[in-house]
Every structure is written in C-alpha cells, then in structure tokens.
C-alpha atoms as a PDB file:
ATOM      1  CA  MET A   1       4.875   3.758   0.565  1.00  0.00           C
ATOM      2  CA  LYS A   2       4.687   6.578  -1.952  1.00  0.00           C
ATOM      3  CA  LYS A   3       6.935   6.569  -4.985  1.00  0.00           C
ATOM      4  CA  ALA A   4       8.587   9.802  -3.889  1.00  0.00           C
ATOM      5  CA  GLN A   5       9.490   8.218  -0.546  1.00  0.00           C
ATOM      6  CA  ALA A   6      10.845   5.121  -2.316  1.00  0.00           C
ATOM      7  CA  MET A   7      13.062   7.209  -4.589  1.00  0.00           C
ATOM      8  CA  ILE A   8      15.013   8.568  -1.628  1.00  0.00           C
ATOM      9  CA  MET A   9      15.230   5.330   0.279  1.00  0.00           C
ATOM     10  CA  PRO A  10      18.957   4.765   0.927  1.00  0.00           C
ATOM     11  CA  ASN A  11      18.773   1.079   1.893  1.00  0.00           C
ATOM     12  CA  TRP A  12      16.385  -0.955  -0.184  1.00  0.00           C
ATOM     13  CA  PRO A  13      14.864  -3.946   1.670  1.00  0.00           C
ATOM     14  CA  ALA A  14      15.831  -7.501   0.709  1.00  0.00           C
ATOM     15  CA  ALA A  15      12.246  -8.226  -0.380  1.00  0.00           C
ATOM     16  CA  MET A  16       9.751  -5.773  -1.839  1.00  0.00           C
ATOM     17  CA  SER A  17       6.080  -5.319  -2.580  1.00  0.00           C
ATOM     18  CA  ARG A  18       4.973  -4.787  -6.176  1.00  0.00           C
ATOM     19  CA  GLU A  19       4.794  -1.008  -5.668  1.00  0.00           C
ATOM     20  CA  LEU A  20       8.264  -0.831  -4.165  1.00  0.00           C
ATOM     21  CA  ALA A  21       9.660  -3.215  -6.830  1.00  0.00           C
ATOM     22  CA  LEU A  22       8.392  -0.886  -9.533  1.00  0.00           C
ATOM     23  CA  ALA A  23      10.043   2.134  -7.837  1.00  0.00           C
ATOM     24  CA  TYR A  24      13.299   0.183  -7.308  1.00  0.00           C
ATOM     25  CA  THR A  25      13.627  -1.075 -10.822  1.00  0.00           C
ATOM     26  CA  GLY A  26      12.115   1.847 -12.676  1.00  0.00           C
ATOM     27  CA  VAL A  27      10.420  -0.484 -15.161  1.00  0.00           C
ATOM     28  CA  ALA A  28       6.860  -0.310 -16.387  1.00  0.00           C
ATOM     29  CA  GLN A  29       4.143  -2.478 -14.845  1.00  0.00           C
ATOM     30  CA  CYS A  30       3.892  -4.508 -18.030  1.00  0.00           C
ATOM     31  CA  GLN A  31       7.626  -5.365 -17.748  1.00  0.00           C
ATOM     32  CA  LEU A  32       7.206  -6.524 -14.149  1.00  0.00           C
ATOM     33  CA  ARG A  33       4.249  -8.686 -15.227  1.00  0.00           C
ATOM     34  CA  GLU A  34       6.354 -10.169 -18.038  1.00  0.00           C
ATOM     35  CA  TRP A  35       9.049 -11.072 -15.551  1.00  0.00           C
ATOM     36  CA  GLU A  36       6.396 -12.783 -13.457  1.00  0.00           C
ATOM     37  CA  ARG A  37       4.993 -14.689 -16.423  1.00  0.00           C
ATOM     38  CA  SER A  38       8.492 -15.874 -17.373  1.00  0.00           C
ATOM     39  CA  GLY A  39       9.275 -16.922 -13.812  1.00  0.00           C
ATOM     40  CA  ALA A  40      12.141 -14.437 -13.430  1.00  0.00           C
ATOM     41  CA  ILE A  41      10.342 -12.766 -10.521  1.00  0.00           C
ATOM     42  CA  ILE A  42       8.096 -14.576  -8.045  1.00  0.00           C
ATOM     43  CA  PHE A  43       5.875 -12.649  -5.653  1.00  0.00           C
ATOM     44  CA  LEU A  44       5.002 -14.787  -2.609  1.00  0.00           C
ATOM     45  CA  PRO A  45       2.359 -13.929   0.025  1.00  0.00           C
ATOM     46  CA  ILE A  46       4.796 -13.996   2.897  1.00  0.00           C
ATOM     47  CA  GLY A  47       5.017 -10.318   3.784  1.00  0.00           C
ATOM     48  CA  PRO A  48       3.152  -8.489   6.537  1.00  0.00           C
ATOM     49  CA  ARG A  49      -0.577  -9.378   6.517  1.00  0.00           C
ATOM     50  CA  GLY A  50       0.022 -11.744   3.580  1.00  0.00           C
ATOM     51  CA  GLN A  51       1.421  -9.012   1.335  1.00  0.00           C
ATOM     52  CA  LYS A  52       3.089 -10.442  -1.759  1.00  0.00           C
ATOM     53  CA  ILE A  53       6.795  -9.709  -1.899  1.00  0.00           C
ATOM     54  CA  ALA A  54       9.657 -10.536  -4.269  1.00  0.00           C
ATOM     55  CA  LEU A  55      13.368 -10.790  -3.557  1.00  0.00           C
ATOM     56  CA  ARG A  56      15.539  -7.778  -4.444  1.00  0.00           C
ATOM     57  CA  SER A  57      18.184 -10.169  -5.763  1.00  0.00           C
ATOM     58  CA  ALA A  58      15.659 -11.577  -8.283  1.00  0.00           C
ATOM     59  CA  LEU A  59      14.794  -8.036  -9.367  1.00  0.00           C
ATOM     60  CA  ASP A  60      18.501  -7.301  -9.837  1.00  0.00           C
ATOM     61  CA  CYS A  61      18.937 -10.470 -11.932  1.00  0.00           C
ATOM     62  CA  ALA A  62      15.949  -9.621 -14.120  1.00  0.00           C
ATOM     63  CA  LEU A  63      17.344  -6.111 -14.709  1.00  0.00           C
ATOM     64  CA  ASP A  64      20.764  -7.506 -15.566  1.00  0.00           C
ATOM     65  CA  ALA A  65      19.238  -9.967 -18.028  1.00  0.00           C
ATOM     66  CA  MET A  66      17.189  -7.184 -19.653  1.00  0.00           C
ATOM     67  CA  PHE A  67      20.284  -5.062 -20.267  1.00  0.00           C
ATOM     68  CA  GLU A  68      22.387  -8.002 -21.442  1.00  0.00           C
ATOM     69  CA  ARG A  69      20.014  -8.328 -24.435  1.00  0.00           C
ATOM     70  CA  TYR A  70      21.372  -5.113 -25.822  1.00  0.00           C
ATOM     71  CA  ASP A  71      24.624  -5.171 -27.772  1.00  0.00           C
ATOM     72  CA  GLN A  72      27.285  -3.517 -25.630  1.00  0.00           C
ATOM     73  CA  SER A  73      29.007  -2.200 -28.774  1.00  0.00           C
ATOM     74  CA  ILE A  74      26.155   0.193 -29.557  1.00  0.00           C
ATOM     75  CA  ASP A  75      27.326   3.737 -29.306  1.00  0.00           C
ATOM     76  CA  PHE A  76      25.003   5.689 -27.050  1.00  0.00           C
ATOM     77  CA  ASP A  77      27.097   8.871 -27.260  1.00  0.00           C
ATOM     78  CA  PHE A  78      24.628  11.506 -28.408  1.00  0.00           C
ATOM     79  CA  GLY A  79      27.203  14.288 -28.452  1.00  0.00           C
END
C-alpha cells in the first residue's frame, strides 16, 4: 500500500505491516526500530504470506509513551 493511500484510510486495521505502521504513526523508521529493540512493538510473521505485522494497540501505546516523556506544562503557543 502506498503512503498516499494509507493517509486517507478511514479505518486502520487492527494489525499493520511495517510500511503501514510508519504511515499510521508518522514516526521515522529509526523510531520504529527503537520501539522494536525496546520490546514496545513486536512484529510477528503471522500476516498474509508470512508478512510481519504489529498490533495497532501496541503502536498506540508506544506513541502515548513517547508523548508522555514531554512535560505537559511546556507552552507550545507560538503566537
């Protein structure tokens, strides 16, 4: 699936390939690899034709944890 197609996908699947996970989260490949190294995301070869997929819920948790690292009191108002 092309990134442009993924960006307009209204209902994201419960499990995603690496390419789709990158489009869904919007993170860089190195961030996705870091999540894999830390065990936050696990890609298993259980998709069609043995394609490795990861759970959307795990991707959501990894994103939540990434944003929790930042102090919520920081003022991002650039106006």
